[in-house]
């Protein structure tokens, strides 16, 4: 439902579906961060904050703070895989506060975690794009009709030059096409 000025409504149940989708990807690659940066609890705290919200807790300052902390951990991480894993964790906690504004940048908050997981898998497999495609296919299969409906309220994912942006765009296209079938 559109409320004007490109805004629409998102229910708490819909936000929980989105957060679940993002945190599932983040949790899969969290060990990559923890292996690369032992002793930094920030991404794990963000994943835990996301799960609290997904499991019915109110969204609070906890999710916002944990998201920012995980994104700081991403900036400080020494490797690309650790950066991507921490970023996905931050996105998972931040998903509780997805903005109901029809802007392409918001799609990143829905799909970047899965794209980061795909890129981490590629890098861990010697930069094999087929491995990334398999992870994206798994992410596509995990997407519920509610998630796809929410995604359709936003414009297409922004295009970018990075591999993560490319993966995110591919996932966006395939998810939108799955509803149209």
Protein backbone atom coordinates (compact mmCIF):
# COMPACT_ATOMS: atom_id res chain seq x y z
CA UNK A 1 0.00 0.00 0.00
CA UNK A 2 1.40 3.39 -1.02
CA UNK A 3 1.06 6.27 1.44
CA UNK A 4 2.33 9.07 -0.80
CA UNK A 5 5.71 10.52 -1.83
CA UNK A 6 6.98 7.07 -2.77
CA UNK A 7 6.30 5.70 0.70
CA UNK A 8 4.32 2.59 1.50
CA UNK A 9 3.53 0.53 4.54
CA UNK A 10 5.63 -2.30 5.89
CA UNK A 11 4.20 -4.33 8.73
CA UNK A 12 6.28 -5.71 11.59
CA UNK A 13 5.55 -9.20 10.27
CA UNK A 14 6.93 -8.22 6.85
CA UNK A 15 10.01 -6.65 8.44
CA UNK A 16 10.58 -9.88 10.38
CA UNK A 17 10.40 -11.89 7.14
CA UNK A 18 12.99 -9.59 5.55
CA UNK A 19 15.22 -9.70 8.64
CA UNK A 20 15.01 -13.51 8.73
CA UNK A 21 16.07 -13.71 5.08
CA UNK A 22 19.06 -11.44 5.65
CA UNK A 23 20.17 -13.00 8.94
CA UNK A 24 20.08 -16.51 7.48
CA UNK A 25 22.70 -15.45 4.92
CA UNK A 26 24.73 -13.54 7.49
CA UNK A 27 24.79 -16.44 9.91
CA UNK A 28 26.11 -18.78 7.22
CA UNK A 29 29.22 -16.65 6.67
CA UNK A 30 29.74 -15.36 10.21
CA UNK A 31 32.42 -18.03 10.85
CA UNK A 32 34.48 -16.52 8.02
CA UNK A 33 34.64 -13.24 9.93
CA UNK A 34 35.35 -14.90 13.25
CA UNK A 35 38.15 -16.97 11.74
CA UNK A 36 39.71 -13.87 10.16
CA UNK A 37 39.18 -11.58 13.13
CA UNK A 38 39.11 -13.71 16.28
CA UNK A 39 37.92 -11.92 19.38
CA UNK A 40 35.77 -9.27 17.66
CA UNK A 41 32.21 -9.90 18.86
CA UNK A 42 30.46 -7.15 16.89
CA UNK A 43 29.14 -9.13 13.89
CA UNK A 44 27.96 -11.99 16.14
CA UNK A 45 26.15 -9.43 18.31
CA UNK A 46 24.46 -8.03 15.19
CA UNK A 47 23.32 -11.50 14.15
CA UNK A 48 21.98 -12.10 17.66
CA UNK A 49 20.15 -8.75 17.63
CA UNK A 50 18.60 -9.63 14.27
CA UNK A 51 17.41 -13.00 15.57
CA UNK A 52 15.86 -11.32 18.63
CA UNK A 53 13.76 -9.15 16.33
CA UNK A 54 12.94 -12.04 13.97
CA UNK A 55 11.78 -14.13 16.93
CA UNK A 56 9.27 -11.53 18.06
CA UNK A 57 11.10 -8.97 20.18
CA UNK A 58 10.38 -5.31 19.57
CA UNK A 59 12.86 -3.48 17.40
CA UNK A 60 14.97 -1.32 19.64
CA UNK A 61 18.19 0.59 19.85
CA UNK A 62 19.87 -2.83 20.12
CA UNK A 63 19.40 -3.54 16.40
CA UNK A 64 20.54 -0.07 15.35
CA UNK A 65 23.63 -0.11 17.57
CA UNK A 66 24.58 -3.67 16.65
CA UNK A 67 24.19 -2.87 12.95
CA UNK A 68 26.47 0.16 13.19
CA UNK A 69 29.03 -1.78 15.22
CA UNK A 70 29.10 -4.63 12.69
CA UNK A 71 29.53 -2.16 9.83
CA UNK A 72 32.46 -0.60 11.72
CA UNK A 73 33.93 -4.09 12.11
CA UNK A 74 33.57 -4.52 8.34
CA UNK A 75 35.55 -1.34 7.69
CA UNK A 76 38.31 -2.55 10.02
CA UNK A 77 38.46 -6.14 8.73
CA UNK A 78 41.74 -7.17 7.10
CA UNK A 79 40.31 -9.30 4.26
CA UNK A 80 37.51 -9.01 1.75
CA UNK A 81 35.81 -12.13 3.05
CA UNK A 82 35.82 -10.83 6.63
CA UNK A 83 34.54 -7.44 5.45
CA UNK A 84 31.68 -9.04 3.54
CA UNK A 85 30.71 -11.29 6.44
CA UNK A 86 30.64 -8.38 8.89
CA UNK A 87 28.68 -6.25 6.44
CA UNK A 88 26.07 -8.98 6.03
CA UNK A 89 25.74 -9.19 9.83
CA UNK A 90 25.25 -5.44 10.04
CA UNK A 91 22.64 -5.56 7.30
CA UNK A 92 20.82 -8.32 9.19
CA UNK A 93 20.45 -6.20 12.32
CA UNK A 94 19.57 -3.12 10.28
CA UNK A 95 16.80 -4.97 8.41
CA UNK A 96 14.50 -4.32 11.37
CA UNK A 97 14.56 -0.68 10.27
CA UNK A 98 14.12 -1.13 6.51
CA UNK A 99 12.65 2.12 5.21
CA UNK A 100 9.30 1.94 3.41
CA UNK A 101 10.48 4.36 0.75
CA UNK A 102 10.55 3.34 -2.91
CA UNK A 103 14.29 3.85 -3.42
CA UNK A 104 16.60 1.35 -5.06
CA UNK A 105 19.14 1.73 -2.25
CA UNK A 106 16.70 0.02 0.12
CA UNK A 107 16.90 -3.15 -1.98
CA UNK A 108 20.47 -3.50 -0.77
CA UNK A 109 19.19 -3.94 2.76
CA UNK A 110 17.09 -6.87 1.57
CA UNK A 111 19.48 -8.63 -0.83
CA UNK A 112 23.05 -7.56 -0.05
CA UNK A 113 23.44 -10.19 2.70
CA UNK A 114 22.77 -12.99 0.24
CA UNK A 115 25.03 -11.35 -2.34
CA UNK A 116 27.80 -11.06 0.26
CA UNK A 117 27.37 -14.74 1.13
CA UNK A 118 27.64 -15.64 -2.56
CA UNK A 119 30.81 -13.56 -2.95
CA UNK A 120 32.38 -15.08 0.16
CA UNK A 121 31.64 -18.54 -1.23
CA UNK A 122 33.24 -17.57 -4.54
CA UNK A 123 36.36 -16.25 -2.87
CA UNK A 124 36.66 -19.29 -0.60
CA UNK A 125 36.45 -21.48 -3.74
CA UNK A 126 39.26 -19.71 -5.58
CA UNK A 127 37.05 -16.96 -7.05
CA UNK A 128 34.75 -19.47 -8.77
CA UNK A 129 31.61 -17.69 -10.07
CA UNK A 130 29.73 -20.99 -10.37
CA UNK A 131 29.90 -21.36 -6.60
CA UNK A 132 28.40 -17.89 -6.19
CA UNK A 133 25.61 -18.74 -8.60
CA UNK A 134 24.77 -21.83 -6.52
CA UNK A 135 24.58 -19.74 -3.34
CA UNK A 136 22.30 -17.25 -5.12
CA UNK A 137 20.06 -20.09 -6.25
CA UNK A 138 19.78 -21.29 -2.65
CA UNK A 139 18.92 -17.73 -1.59
CA UNK A 140 16.29 -17.54 -4.31
CA UNK A 141 14.74 -20.78 -3.08
CA UNK A 142 14.69 -19.48 0.52
CA UNK A 143 12.76 -16.37 -0.48
CA UNK A 144 9.16 -16.53 0.69
CA UNK A 145 6.24 -15.02 -1.21
CA UNK A 146 6.07 -12.30 1.46
CA UNK A 147 9.71 -11.35 0.88
CA UNK A 148 9.16 -11.24 -2.87
CA UNK A 149 6.07 -9.10 -2.39
CA UNK A 150 8.04 -6.64 -0.25
CA UNK A 151 10.83 -6.58 -2.86
CA UNK A 152 8.31 -5.67 -5.56
CA UNK A 153 7.44 -2.48 -3.67
CA UNK A 154 10.92 -1.16 -4.41
CA UNK A 155 12.63 -0.25 -7.67
CA UNK A 156 15.23 -2.64 -9.10
CA UNK A 157 18.49 -3.06 -7.20
CA UNK A 158 21.00 -0.35 -7.98
CA UNK A 159 23.60 -1.28 -10.54
CA UNK A 160 27.21 -1.14 -9.55
CA UNK A 161 30.61 -2.26 -10.72
CA UNK A 162 31.51 -4.48 -7.78
CA UNK A 163 30.98 -8.22 -7.88
CA UNK A 164 28.63 -7.98 -4.88
CA UNK A 165 26.50 -5.39 -6.72
CA UNK A 166 26.40 -7.66 -9.76
CA UNK A 167 25.36 -10.66 -7.64
CA UNK A 168 22.71 -8.59 -5.88
CA UNK A 169 21.29 -7.42 -9.20
CA UNK A 170 21.17 -11.01 -10.48
CA UNK A 171 19.34 -12.15 -7.36
CA UNK A 172 16.91 -9.24 -7.61
CA UNK A 173 16.10 -10.08 -11.21
CA UNK A 174 15.55 -13.77 -10.49
CA UNK A 175 13.35 -13.11 -7.44
CA UNK A 176 11.16 -10.66 -9.32
CA UNK A 177 10.84 -13.09 -12.22
CA UNK A 178 9.81 -15.91 -9.86
CA UNK A 179 6.68 -14.00 -8.84
CA UNK A 180 5.77 -13.34 -12.45
CA UNK A 181 5.84 -17.05 -13.36
